Protein backbone atom coordinates (compact mmCIF):
# COMPACT_ATOMS: atom_id res chain seq x y z
CA MET A 1 -8.24 8.06 -82.44
CA SER A 2 -4.65 7.49 -84.67
CA ARG A 3 -3.58 4.20 -85.76
CA SER A 4 0.03 2.91 -84.20
CA VAL A 5 3.07 3.12 -85.51
CA ALA A 6 3.34 -0.31 -84.88
CA ALA A 7 0.46 -1.36 -86.30
CA ALA A 8 1.17 0.42 -89.49
CA ILE A 9 5.00 -1.02 -90.29
CA ARG A 10 3.60 -4.59 -89.74
CA GLY A 11 0.57 -3.57 -92.67
CA ALA A 12 3.38 -2.85 -94.48
CA LEU A 13 5.65 -5.96 -93.62
CA LEU A 14 2.54 -8.28 -94.59
CA THR A 15 1.76 -7.13 -97.58
CA ALA A 16 3.10 -9.54 -100.27
CA ASP A 17 2.89 -7.96 -103.51
CA PRO A 18 6.06 -5.68 -104.63
CA TYR A 19 4.57 -3.21 -106.06
CA ARG A 20 1.70 -2.69 -102.91
CA LYS A 21 4.55 -3.04 -99.88
CA ALA A 22 7.24 -0.40 -101.97
CA MET A 23 3.56 1.87 -102.01
CA ALA A 24 2.74 1.19 -98.11
CA ALA A 25 6.15 1.52 -96.81
CA ARG A 26 6.08 4.57 -98.72
CA ALA A 27 2.61 5.95 -97.00
CA VAL A 28 4.09 4.87 -93.57
CA ALA A 29 7.36 6.90 -93.80
CA ARG A 30 4.52 9.93 -95.08
CA GLU A 31 1.85 9.15 -92.31
CA TRP A 32 4.62 8.96 -89.59
CA ARG A 33 5.95 12.32 -90.82
CA GLN A 34 2.70 14.28 -90.79
CA GLY A 35 2.41 13.21 -87.20
CA ARG A 36 -0.79 10.74 -87.85
CA LEU A 37 1.02 7.60 -86.34
CA SER A 38 0.99 7.24 -82.78
CA PHE A 39 5.18 6.88 -80.81
CA ALA A 40 2.85 3.26 -79.34
CA PHE A 41 3.97 -0.24 -80.08
CA ASP A 42 0.70 -2.75 -79.45
CA VAL A 43 1.22 -4.90 -81.79
CA ALA A 44 4.56 -7.37 -82.74
CA MET A 45 6.63 -7.45 -85.96
CA PRO A 46 5.76 -11.00 -88.13
CA GLY A 47 8.83 -12.79 -87.66
CA ALA A 48 9.34 -12.83 -91.61
CA PRO A 49 7.50 -10.22 -93.72
CA ALA A 50 4.77 -11.56 -96.28
CA ARG A 51 6.96 -12.24 -99.54
CA PRO A 52 5.11 -12.89 -103.01
CA GLY A 53 4.48 -16.32 -104.82
CA GLN A 54 8.13 -14.73 -107.15
CA PRO A 55 10.82 -15.03 -107.41
CA GLU A 56 11.94 -18.18 -106.55
CA LEU A 57 14.38 -17.94 -103.68
CA LEU A 58 17.12 -20.20 -103.44
CA PRO A 59 20.33 -20.45 -101.30
CA PRO A 60 22.89 -18.37 -103.44
CA ASN A 61 24.70 -21.60 -104.28
CA ARG A 62 22.08 -22.72 -106.47
CA MET A 63 21.15 -19.25 -108.13
CA PRO A 64 22.07 -19.50 -111.84
CA LYS A 65 25.07 -17.40 -113.55
CA ARG A 66 24.00 -14.38 -115.29
CA GLY A 67 25.18 -14.87 -118.84
CA ARG A 68 27.83 -13.26 -121.07
CA GLY A 69 28.53 -9.90 -120.14
CA GLY A 70 26.38 -7.68 -122.46
CA SER A 71 23.91 -9.81 -123.50
CA GLU A 72 20.16 -9.25 -123.00
CA ARG A 73 19.85 -12.10 -120.49
CA ALA A 74 22.26 -11.13 -118.32
CA ARG A 75 21.08 -7.17 -118.66
CA ILE A 76 18.27 -8.45 -117.22
CA ALA A 77 19.50 -10.80 -114.86
CA LEU A 78 21.56 -7.74 -113.31
CA TRP A 79 19.00 -5.46 -112.76
CA HIS A 80 16.83 -8.19 -111.21
CA ALA A 81 19.50 -9.30 -108.83
CA LEU A 82 19.54 -5.37 -107.83
CA ALA A 83 15.51 -4.84 -108.23
CA HIS A 84 15.16 -7.76 -105.43
CA ILE A 85 17.61 -6.47 -103.12
CA GLU A 86 15.95 -3.58 -102.89
CA PHE A 87 12.66 -5.46 -102.20
CA VAL A 88 14.36 -7.65 -99.48
CA ALA A 89 15.52 -3.89 -97.91
CA ILE A 90 12.42 -2.75 -97.80
CA ASP A 91 11.70 -4.72 -95.30
CA LEU A 92 14.99 -4.64 -93.17
CA ALA A 93 14.57 -1.13 -92.43
CA LEU A 94 10.73 -1.51 -91.96
CA ASP A 95 11.81 -4.81 -89.26
CA MET A 96 14.07 -1.96 -87.74
CA ALA A 97 11.76 0.83 -87.02
CA GLY A 98 9.03 -1.52 -85.84
CA ARG A 99 11.66 -4.28 -83.57
CA PHE A 100 13.73 -1.59 -82.25
CA GLY A 101 11.42 1.62 -82.41
CA ALA A 102 10.11 0.72 -78.39
CA GLU A 103 13.59 1.19 -76.85
CA MET A 104 14.93 3.55 -78.94
CA GLY A 105 12.88 5.95 -79.66
CA PRO A 106 11.11 8.55 -82.28
CA ASP A 107 14.42 9.86 -84.13
CA PHE A 108 14.98 6.50 -84.62
CA VAL A 109 11.43 4.89 -85.89
CA GLY A 110 12.07 8.07 -88.35
CA ASP A 111 15.19 7.92 -89.09
CA PHE A 112 14.68 3.19 -90.29
CA LEU A 113 10.86 4.62 -92.07
CA THR A 114 12.95 7.21 -94.07
CA VAL A 115 15.09 4.43 -95.37
CA ALA A 116 12.35 2.09 -96.11
CA ALA A 117 10.64 5.15 -98.18
CA ASP A 118 13.46 5.45 -99.89
CA GLU A 119 14.54 1.84 -100.67
CA ALA A 120 10.92 1.49 -101.67
CA MET A 121 11.79 3.98 -104.65
CA HIS A 122 14.60 2.67 -105.56
CA PHE A 123 12.45 -0.66 -105.89
CA ALA A 124 9.60 1.01 -107.82
CA LEU A 125 12.78 2.55 -110.75
CA LEU A 126 14.45 -0.69 -110.71
CA ALA A 127 11.42 -2.65 -111.34
CA ARG A 128 10.49 0.09 -114.22
CA LYS A 129 13.94 -0.09 -115.85
CA LEU A 130 13.46 -4.42 -115.55
CA ALA A 131 9.59 -3.85 -117.46
CA ALA A 132 12.03 -1.38 -120.20
CA LEU A 133 13.73 -4.32 -120.91
CA GLY A 134 10.41 -6.56 -121.17
CA SER A 135 10.43 -7.73 -117.94
CA HIS A 136 9.77 -7.56 -114.46
CA TYR A 137 10.21 -8.49 -110.71
CA GLY A 138 9.48 -12.37 -110.18
CA ALA A 139 10.76 -13.49 -114.36
CA LEU A 140 13.61 -14.45 -112.30
CA PRO A 141 15.13 -16.78 -109.55
CA ALA A 142 16.16 -14.53 -106.59
CA HIS A 143 18.44 -14.97 -103.89
CA GLY A 144 17.06 -16.17 -101.27
CA GLY A 145 19.53 -15.78 -97.94
CA LEU A 146 18.80 -11.92 -97.65
CA TRP A 147 16.24 -12.46 -94.43
CA GLU A 148 18.66 -14.16 -92.97
CA ALA A 149 20.59 -11.25 -91.05
CA ALA A 150 17.44 -10.08 -89.03
CA GLU A 151 16.83 -13.63 -87.99
CA GLU A 152 20.00 -13.62 -86.92
CA THR A 153 19.98 -10.27 -85.34
CA ALA A 154 16.20 -10.28 -84.18
CA HIS A 155 17.42 -10.00 -80.76
CA ASP A 156 19.15 -7.04 -80.31
CA VAL A 157 19.14 -3.97 -81.99
CA ALA A 158 23.30 -3.03 -82.15
CA ALA A 159 23.59 -6.31 -83.59
CA ARG A 160 21.26 -5.76 -86.09
CA LEU A 161 22.53 -2.30 -87.06
CA ALA A 162 26.06 -3.74 -86.98
CA VAL A 163 25.45 -6.66 -89.78
CA VAL A 164 22.71 -4.74 -91.47
CA PRO A 165 23.82 -1.21 -92.33
CA MET A 166 27.55 -1.78 -91.63
CA VAL A 167 28.03 -4.45 -93.41
CA LEU A 168 25.08 -5.57 -95.80
CA GLU A 169 24.25 -1.72 -97.24
CA ALA A 170 27.78 -0.73 -96.54
CA ARG A 171 28.80 -3.81 -99.16
CA GLY A 172 26.54 -1.81 -101.48
CA LEU A 173 28.82 1.00 -101.12
CA ASP A 174 32.00 -0.91 -102.67
CA VAL A 175 30.54 -2.88 -105.53
CA THR A 176 27.61 0.03 -106.92
CA PRO A 177 31.22 1.92 -108.20
CA ALA A 178 31.90 -0.99 -110.74
CA THR A 179 28.20 -1.83 -111.83
CA LEU A 180 27.75 1.64 -112.50
CA ASP A 181 30.86 1.56 -114.95
CA ARG A 182 30.03 -1.22 -116.53
CA VAL A 183 26.37 -0.10 -117.14
CA ARG A 184 27.64 3.61 -118.54
CA ALA A 185 30.15 1.31 -120.64
CA ALA A 186 28.03 -0.61 -122.29
CA GLY A 187 25.72 2.40 -122.72
CA ASP A 188 22.98 3.04 -120.17
CA GLU A 189 23.13 6.31 -119.50
CA HIS A 190 20.19 5.86 -117.54
CA GLY A 191 21.20 2.64 -115.81
CA ALA A 192 23.99 4.58 -114.58
CA ARG A 193 21.95 8.27 -113.25
CA ILE A 194 19.66 5.09 -111.35
CA LEU A 195 22.83 3.19 -109.65
CA GLU A 196 23.89 6.93 -108.95
CA ARG A 197 20.91 8.03 -107.52
CA ILE A 198 21.33 4.37 -105.23
CA LEU A 199 24.62 5.53 -104.48
CA ASP A 200 23.73 8.43 -102.84
CA ASP A 201 20.89 7.28 -101.06
CA GLU A 202 22.75 3.94 -99.22
CA ILE A 203 25.94 6.31 -98.24
CA ARG A 204 23.58 7.96 -96.77
CA HIS A 205 21.45 4.97 -95.00
CA VAL A 206 24.66 3.49 -94.03
CA GLY A 207 25.76 7.16 -91.94
CA ILE A 208 22.18 6.08 -90.12
CA GLY A 209 23.04 3.00 -88.43
CA THR A 210 26.49 3.69 -88.21
CA ARG A 211 25.34 7.20 -86.08
CA HIS A 212 22.48 5.13 -84.46
CA PHE A 213 25.45 2.05 -83.47
CA VAL A 214 27.56 4.39 -81.93
CA ALA A 215 25.72 6.44 -79.14
CA ILE A 216 24.43 3.01 -78.07
CA CYS A 217 28.31 2.11 -77.63
CA ALA A 218 28.09 6.05 -76.49
CA GLU A 219 25.83 4.94 -73.77
CA SER A 220 26.35 1.34 -72.71
CA ARG A 221 30.60 3.02 -72.46
CA LYS A 222 31.44 0.40 -75.19
CA CYS A 223 34.43 1.39 -77.61
CA PRO A 224 32.16 1.06 -81.22
CA GLU A 225 34.62 -0.74 -83.28
CA ILE A 226 35.58 -3.48 -80.79
CA ARG A 227 32.08 -3.81 -79.81
CA TRP A 228 32.03 -4.36 -84.25
CA LYS A 229 33.69 -6.75 -84.67
CA GLU A 230 32.28 -8.65 -81.99
CA LEU A 231 29.06 -8.80 -83.28
CA VAL A 232 30.08 -8.95 -86.24
CA GLU A 233 32.08 -12.25 -85.87
CA ARG A 234 29.69 -13.56 -83.66
CA HIS A 235 26.34 -12.89 -86.23
CA PHE A 236 27.64 -12.70 -89.76
CA ARG A 237 28.14 -15.98 -91.32
CA GLY A 238 29.91 -14.70 -94.34
CA ALA A 239 33.33 -13.29 -94.81
CA LEU A 240 34.10 -9.34 -95.78
CA LYS A 241 36.23 -9.16 -98.46
CA PRO A 242 38.01 -6.43 -100.24
CA PRO A 243 38.05 -3.74 -102.70
CA PHE A 244 36.30 -1.23 -100.05
CA ASN A 245 35.12 1.58 -101.12
CA ASP A 246 37.23 3.48 -98.35
CA SER A 247 35.95 7.52 -99.20
CA ALA A 248 32.79 6.27 -99.03
CA ARG A 249 32.71 3.65 -96.13
CA LEU A 250 34.49 7.16 -94.39
CA ALA A 251 31.19 9.36 -95.85
CA ALA A 252 28.81 7.48 -93.90
CA GLY A 253 31.15 7.40 -90.49
CA LEU A 254 32.62 3.76 -91.04
CA SER A 255 36.21 3.98 -91.13
CA ARG A 256 38.70 1.65 -91.56
CA ASP A 257 39.58 1.48 -87.72
CA PHE A 258 36.01 -0.88 -87.59
CA TYR A 259 36.77 -2.96 -90.79
CA ALA A 260 40.18 -3.28 -91.89
CA ALA A 261 41.10 -5.95 -89.00
CA ILE A 262 38.54 -8.35 -89.28
CA ALA A 263 38.40 -8.37 -93.52
CA SER A 264 39.54 -11.84 -95.46
């Protein structure tokens, strides 16, 4: 008898070691794609995923400054911060599939397991980049607030889609091009190629989240742009700040009609 997709996802979420978690996420996506997991939700998702002992997680206002421009310390801090974002993104995508898959259906599960596998691959690329710089994931403190969006929206799939892909991941579309330009200007073509790969994948991820959000709104006969604003104002604690990468957002189906009115 095949294992349930919920049990497989829960197992990956409760894997603390970062490298094993990345491999577990990719394995769950592969088993689902191959039809080796049943569409069954017989176990609950954990309230929080397992975390490694390192990095130390700090609130944003206690995060150390990255250091000056092109210094080795600043470069390591940049790649470590990016690795941490991708590591947490694995859990966010797994939890999306496991928590809401029963109500949303097999296509939704498949979409977000694919996202989880992509995030795992991004993490592996960034971990290798850190190793090439003589460091490793966990060597520096990291932002402790990234999972808060999942806790805040654990009760409502529309709220989770509005905040995680359509705010947090969309923010990555805004900031990655400038980071990419800085990395390339510093002569790090290998790093630039990693960021290009991540940016291309994140456009697709934001598109997946937006498509499912719009479908939920169509089913409940609500205007997607108005509903999104309501949910973001209720569940997202930060501010939406320009500049926005309008072309990348539009490629993901996220037009200015969504975010222009509440941008600060």
